[in-house]
Protein backbone atom coordinates (compact mmCIF):
# COMPACT_ATOMS: atom_id res chain seq x y z
CA MET A 1 -87.34 -204.99 -56.24
CA ASP A 2 -88.18 -204.99 -59.88
CA LYS A 3 -88.84 -201.44 -61.03
CA ARG A 4 -91.28 -202.63 -63.69
CA LYS A 5 -93.70 -204.03 -61.17
CA ASN A 6 -95.08 -200.49 -60.62
CA ASN A 7 -96.80 -200.45 -63.98
CA GLY A 8 -100.01 -202.29 -63.19
CA GLY A 9 -98.16 -205.09 -61.35
CA HIS A 10 -96.95 -206.69 -64.65
CA LYS A 11 -93.33 -207.57 -64.77
CA THR A 12 -93.36 -206.92 -68.59
CA ALA A 13 -94.91 -203.45 -68.38
CA GLY A 14 -92.83 -200.45 -69.24
CA ARG A 15 -89.74 -199.92 -71.37
CA LYS A 16 -87.32 -202.85 -71.87
CA SER A 17 -83.79 -202.39 -70.33
CA LYS A 18 -80.88 -201.42 -72.53
CA ALA A 19 -79.50 -205.04 -72.27
CA GLU A 20 -82.85 -206.61 -73.38
CA GLU A 21 -83.10 -204.02 -76.21
CA GLN A 22 -79.62 -204.80 -77.39
CA ASN A 23 -80.25 -208.56 -77.15
CA LEU A 24 -83.33 -208.17 -79.36
CA ILE A 25 -81.39 -206.08 -81.87
CA GLU A 26 -78.73 -208.69 -82.10
CA LYS A 27 -81.33 -211.47 -82.68
CA LEU A 28 -83.13 -209.49 -85.36
CA THR A 29 -80.06 -208.21 -87.35
CA PRO A 30 -79.74 -211.32 -89.56
CA PHE A 31 -83.21 -210.58 -90.84
CA GLU A 32 -82.51 -206.92 -91.72
CA ASP A 33 -81.87 -207.45 -95.50
CA GLU A 34 -85.00 -209.65 -95.80
CA ALA A 35 -87.20 -207.17 -93.86
CA LEU A 36 -86.06 -204.28 -95.99
CA LYS A 37 -86.77 -206.31 -99.20
CA GLN A 38 -90.26 -207.15 -98.02
CA LEU A 39 -90.90 -203.44 -97.13
CA GLU A 40 -89.63 -202.46 -100.63
CA GLU A 41 -91.98 -205.02 -102.21
CA SER A 42 -94.93 -203.88 -100.13
CA VAL A 43 -94.21 -200.23 -101.08
CA LYS A 44 -94.00 -201.07 -104.71
CA ALA A 45 -97.27 -203.10 -104.44
CA GLY A 46 -98.92 -199.94 -103.18
CA HIS A 47 -99.80 -201.21 -99.66
CA SER A 48 -100.67 -198.02 -97.76
CA TRP A 49 -99.28 -199.29 -94.40
CA ALA A 50 -95.88 -199.85 -96.01
CA ILE A 51 -95.85 -196.47 -97.64
CA LYS A 52 -96.85 -194.82 -94.36
CA MET A 53 -94.09 -196.73 -92.49
CA TYR A 54 -91.48 -195.78 -95.09
CA PHE A 55 -92.24 -192.01 -94.91
CA GLU A 56 -92.56 -192.06 -91.15
CA TYR A 57 -89.14 -193.64 -90.70
CA LYS A 58 -87.55 -191.64 -93.60
CA TYR A 59 -88.91 -188.19 -92.57
CA GLY A 60 -90.57 -188.71 -89.17
CA LYS A 61 -94.20 -188.44 -88.31
CA PRO A 62 -95.87 -185.19 -89.27
CA LYS A 63 -96.69 -182.84 -86.42
CA GLU A 64 -100.30 -183.12 -85.24
CA SER A 65 -102.24 -179.93 -85.43
CA LYS A 66 -105.48 -179.51 -83.48
CA ASP A 67 -108.14 -176.88 -83.85
CA ILE A 68 -108.53 -175.53 -80.40
CA THR A 69 -111.15 -173.00 -81.40
CA THR A 70 -114.92 -173.26 -81.30
CA ASN A 71 -116.46 -174.21 -84.56
CA GLY A 72 -113.60 -172.79 -86.46
CA GLU A 73 -113.99 -169.37 -84.80
CA SER A 74 -110.95 -167.83 -83.01
CA ILE A 75 -110.69 -167.77 -79.29
CA ASN A 76 -110.74 -164.26 -77.95
CA LYS A 77 -107.68 -163.76 -75.72
CA PRO A 78 -108.15 -161.40 -72.70
CA VAL A 79 -106.07 -158.16 -72.87
CA PHE A 80 -104.04 -157.49 -69.67
CA GLU A 81 -102.78 -154.04 -69.07
CA PHE A 82 -99.98 -153.48 -66.60
CA PHE A 83 -99.67 -150.16 -64.74
CA ASP A 84 -96.46 -148.81 -63.29
């Protein structure tokens, strides 16, 4: 049984196998220099998507922070006291 059939019944759903991933890498490798050149040109042209992509791959995506307070107010944490 194909393991990927569990994701909505689609054979293509889910992560590709290591072999499929490696095959794709091998097919795309000849285009690496051209892809980097195009990315460089797009960064130099000031395209925001290219600048964002460059920094995300170079330094990683910034951590997301979420305000889990109400209207900017702090949440009062209950104090628990333990007795011996």
